[in-house]
Amino acid sequence: VTPEARAWIESLLPDRQPAPDETLGARQAVGALLDALPPADRALLTWLHLEDWSLEEVAALTGWSRTRIKVRAFRARRRLQGAARALTEEPGATDE
């Protein structure tokens, strides 16, 4: 991941300040994060957040209930946040 992409990913994490130029590396960063997810999570988040589909549109495509979509999207976002942390951790860093 490029330094620009890393800076943008770090701006997504809670309690962090956005990078001065948020758009630099954003496309690559989003791609790297989505690539770290299972295909079903990647598709669901793409439909809901990048393509701005409604819950009804996703339900019609998948056959899932609105509740199932919301739960799966919540879990997918949590995995995305974990991927963001993994991609931005410095090698050899510890949580002391």
Protein backbone atom coordinates (compact mmCIF):
# COMPACT_ATOMS: atom_id res chain seq x y z
CA VAL A 1 0.00 0.00 0.00
CA THR A 2 1.36 3.43 -0.92
CA PRO A 3 1.96 6.06 1.77
CA GLU A 4 -0.95 8.08 0.38
CA ALA A 5 -3.29 5.10 0.57
CA ARG A 6 -2.08 4.29 4.10
CA ALA A 7 -2.78 7.88 5.20
CA TRP A 8 -6.28 7.76 3.78
CA ILE A 9 -7.00 4.38 5.40
CA GLU A 10 -5.76 5.71 8.75
CA SER A 11 -8.17 8.65 8.42
CA LEU A 12 -11.05 6.13 8.45
CA LEU A 13 -10.11 4.65 11.80
CA PRO A 14 -11.84 6.00 14.92
CA ASP A 15 -10.03 8.67 16.93
CA ARG A 16 -7.77 9.68 14.06
CA GLN A 17 -7.62 12.96 12.21
CA PRO A 18 -8.27 12.91 8.45
CA ALA A 19 -5.25 13.38 6.21
CA PRO A 20 -4.90 16.92 4.79
CA ASP A 21 -5.68 15.68 1.30
CA GLU A 22 -8.28 12.96 1.82
CA THR A 23 -8.72 12.15 -1.84
CA LEU A 24 -5.07 11.30 -2.54
CA GLY A 25 -4.85 7.53 -2.75
CA ALA A 26 -8.51 7.01 -1.87
CA ARG A 27 -9.34 4.79 -4.84
CA GLN A 28 -6.34 2.54 -4.22
CA ALA A 29 -7.06 2.44 -0.49
CA VAL A 30 -10.68 1.42 -0.97
CA GLY A 31 -9.61 -1.26 -3.43
CA ALA A 32 -6.99 -2.63 -1.02
CA LEU A 33 -9.49 -2.73 1.83
CA LEU A 34 -12.21 -4.39 -0.22
CA ASP A 35 -9.71 -6.93 -1.56
CA ALA A 36 -9.01 -7.96 2.03
CA LEU A 37 -12.65 -9.00 2.54
CA PRO A 38 -14.45 -12.20 1.55
CA PRO A 39 -16.30 -11.84 -1.78
CA ALA A 40 -19.78 -11.72 -0.20
CA ASP A 41 -18.75 -8.90 2.17
CA ARG A 42 -17.05 -7.03 -0.66
CA ALA A 43 -20.17 -7.28 -2.85
CA LEU A 44 -22.54 -6.22 -0.07
CA LEU A 45 -20.51 -3.17 0.94
CA THR A 46 -20.01 -2.21 -2.70
CA TRP A 47 -23.74 -2.33 -3.37
CA LEU A 48 -24.73 -0.45 -0.23
CA HIS A 49 -21.97 2.13 0.06
CA LEU A 50 -20.28 2.58 -3.32
CA GLU A 51 -23.22 1.99 -5.64
CA ASP A 52 -25.72 3.41 -3.11
CA TRP A 53 -28.29 0.64 -3.51
CA SER A 54 -31.25 0.57 -1.16
CA LEU A 55 -31.92 -2.31 1.21
CA GLU A 56 -34.85 -3.25 -1.03
CA GLU A 57 -32.60 -3.48 -4.10
CA VAL A 58 -30.11 -5.69 -2.28
CA ALA A 59 -32.95 -7.83 -0.91
CA ALA A 60 -34.39 -8.29 -4.41
CA LEU A 61 -31.00 -9.39 -5.73
CA THR A 62 -30.01 -11.68 -2.85
CA GLY A 63 -33.35 -12.87 -1.52
CA TRP A 64 -32.27 -11.83 1.99
CA SER A 65 -34.47 -10.00 4.48
CA ARG A 66 -33.76 -6.38 5.38
CA THR A 67 -32.68 -7.54 8.85
CA ARG A 68 -30.23 -10.07 7.43
CA ILE A 69 -28.76 -7.43 5.11
CA LYS A 70 -28.30 -5.00 8.00
CA VAL A 71 -26.64 -7.63 10.20
CA ARG A 72 -24.35 -8.84 7.42
CA ALA A 73 -23.44 -5.26 6.49
CA PHE A 74 -22.63 -4.46 10.13
CA ARG A 75 -20.36 -7.51 10.34
CA ALA A 76 -18.76 -6.72 6.98
CA ARG A 77 -18.00 -3.16 8.14
CA ARG A 78 -16.38 -4.57 11.29
CA ARG A 79 -14.20 -6.85 9.13
CA LEU A 80 -13.39 -3.84 6.94
CA GLN A 81 -12.27 -1.91 10.00
CA GLY A 82 -10.08 -4.87 11.00
CA ALA A 83 -8.58 -4.92 7.51
CA ALA A 84 -7.87 -1.18 7.81
CA ARG A 85 -6.03 -1.76 11.08
CA ALA A 86 -4.05 -4.66 9.61
CA LEU A 87 -3.04 -2.64 6.55
CA THR A 88 -1.91 0.35 8.59
CA GLU A 89 -0.02 -1.42 11.38
CA GLU A 90 3.68 -0.87 11.39
CA PRO A 91 5.68 -4.11 11.11
CA GLY A 92 6.81 -5.22 14.56
CA ALA A 93 4.47 -2.80 16.37
CA THR A 94 3.07 -3.95 19.70
CA ASP A 95 0.13 -2.79 21.79
CA GLU A 96 1.93 -1.85 24.99
